[in-house]
């Protein structure tokens, strides 16, 4: 069966399901950064391909990380950083 000419892209897969992630915490910035834009906004499911379960976990983790000041709420429009996670210092964990 030939491919449908209207479909240009394949189905997006959830990155968190492929990595077999059970829980996404607010301290785990390496997992959270896949779902943030360069201006620290939460990316929607239709763009990232994240499943509903993991999108809910990511949203909660991002909101908690903002409250604890690990991720900023607002980024200055005139100083947009190429890779925003270079400026964030990693947490010291034991």
Protein backbone atom coordinates (compact mmCIF):
# COMPACT_ATOMS: atom_id res chain seq x y z
CA UNK A 1 0.00 0.00 0.00
CA UNK A 2 1.46 3.37 -1.02
CA UNK A 3 1.99 6.15 1.49
CA UNK A 4 -0.70 8.81 1.73
CA UNK A 5 0.50 11.92 -0.14
CA UNK A 6 -1.18 14.20 2.44
CA UNK A 7 0.95 12.84 5.28
CA UNK A 8 4.41 14.34 5.17
CA UNK A 9 5.65 13.23 8.56
CA UNK A 10 5.46 10.02 10.54
CA UNK A 11 3.69 9.73 13.87
CA UNK A 12 5.50 11.43 16.73
CA UNK A 13 6.55 9.19 19.59
CA UNK A 14 6.67 10.11 23.24
CA UNK A 15 10.31 10.57 24.26
CA UNK A 16 9.53 9.71 27.85
CA UNK A 17 7.82 6.43 26.91
CA UNK A 18 10.80 5.46 24.76
CA UNK A 19 13.14 6.20 27.69
CA UNK A 20 10.75 4.24 29.97
CA UNK A 21 10.42 7.08 32.49
CA UNK A 22 8.04 6.35 35.38
CA UNK A 23 8.19 9.71 37.14
CA UNK A 24 9.37 13.20 36.18
CA UNK A 25 10.44 15.28 39.17
CA UNK A 26 10.93 19.02 39.33
CA UNK A 27 14.66 18.65 40.07
CA UNK A 28 15.33 16.63 36.92
CA UNK A 29 16.03 19.48 34.49
CA UNK A 30 17.50 17.13 31.87
CA UNK A 31 14.07 15.55 31.35
CA UNK A 32 12.14 18.80 31.66
CA UNK A 33 14.12 20.66 29.00
CA UNK A 34 12.61 18.59 26.16
CA UNK A 35 9.26 20.20 26.84
CA UNK A 36 10.37 23.83 27.20
CA UNK A 37 10.86 26.40 24.46
CA UNK A 38 13.81 28.79 24.29
CA UNK A 39 11.69 31.29 26.24
CA UNK A 40 10.87 28.73 28.95
CA UNK A 41 7.28 28.19 27.85
CA UNK A 42 5.70 24.75 28.09
CA UNK A 43 5.51 23.18 24.64
CA UNK A 44 2.15 21.61 23.68
CA UNK A 45 1.67 17.89 23.10
CA UNK A 46 1.00 18.29 19.40
CA UNK A 47 4.48 19.74 18.88
CA UNK A 48 6.50 17.49 21.16
CA UNK A 49 4.60 14.24 20.61
CA UNK A 50 4.42 13.58 24.34
CA UNK A 51 1.64 11.30 25.59
CA UNK A 52 -1.05 12.58 27.95
CA UNK A 53 0.35 10.87 31.04
CA UNK A 54 3.84 12.26 30.63
CA UNK A 55 2.63 15.71 29.54
CA UNK A 56 0.72 16.04 32.82
CA UNK A 57 3.82 15.01 34.79
CA UNK A 58 6.01 17.44 32.84
CA UNK A 59 3.55 20.29 33.37
CA UNK A 60 3.45 19.70 37.13
CA UNK A 61 7.25 19.39 37.30
CA UNK A 62 7.79 22.63 35.35
CA UNK A 63 5.33 24.54 37.53
CA UNK A 64 7.00 23.23 40.70
CA UNK A 65 10.48 24.03 39.35
CA UNK A 66 9.31 27.59 38.65
CA UNK A 67 8.06 27.95 42.24
CA UNK A 68 11.41 26.78 43.60
CA UNK A 69 13.18 29.15 41.15
CA UNK A 70 15.02 26.46 39.18
CA UNK A 71 13.38 27.72 35.97
CA UNK A 72 12.42 31.38 35.42
CA UNK A 73 8.81 32.42 34.84
CA UNK A 74 9.64 35.16 32.34
CA UNK A 75 12.54 35.74 29.97
CA UNK A 76 13.44 39.18 28.69
CA UNK A 77 12.35 39.56 25.06
CA UNK A 78 15.53 41.40 24.12
CA UNK A 79 17.94 38.91 25.65
CA UNK A 80 16.80 35.53 24.35
CA UNK A 81 19.41 32.85 25.00
CA UNK A 82 20.34 30.26 22.34
CA UNK A 83 20.38 27.35 24.78
CA UNK A 84 18.73 28.43 28.05
CA UNK A 85 19.95 25.41 30.00
CA UNK A 86 23.58 26.48 29.68
CA UNK A 87 22.85 29.31 32.12
CA UNK A 88 21.22 27.01 34.72
CA UNK A 89 23.60 25.50 37.24
CA UNK A 90 23.02 21.80 38.02
CA UNK A 91 21.88 20.82 41.50
CA UNK A 92 24.30 19.07 43.80
CA UNK A 93 22.81 15.70 44.63
CA UNK A 94 24.24 12.96 46.78
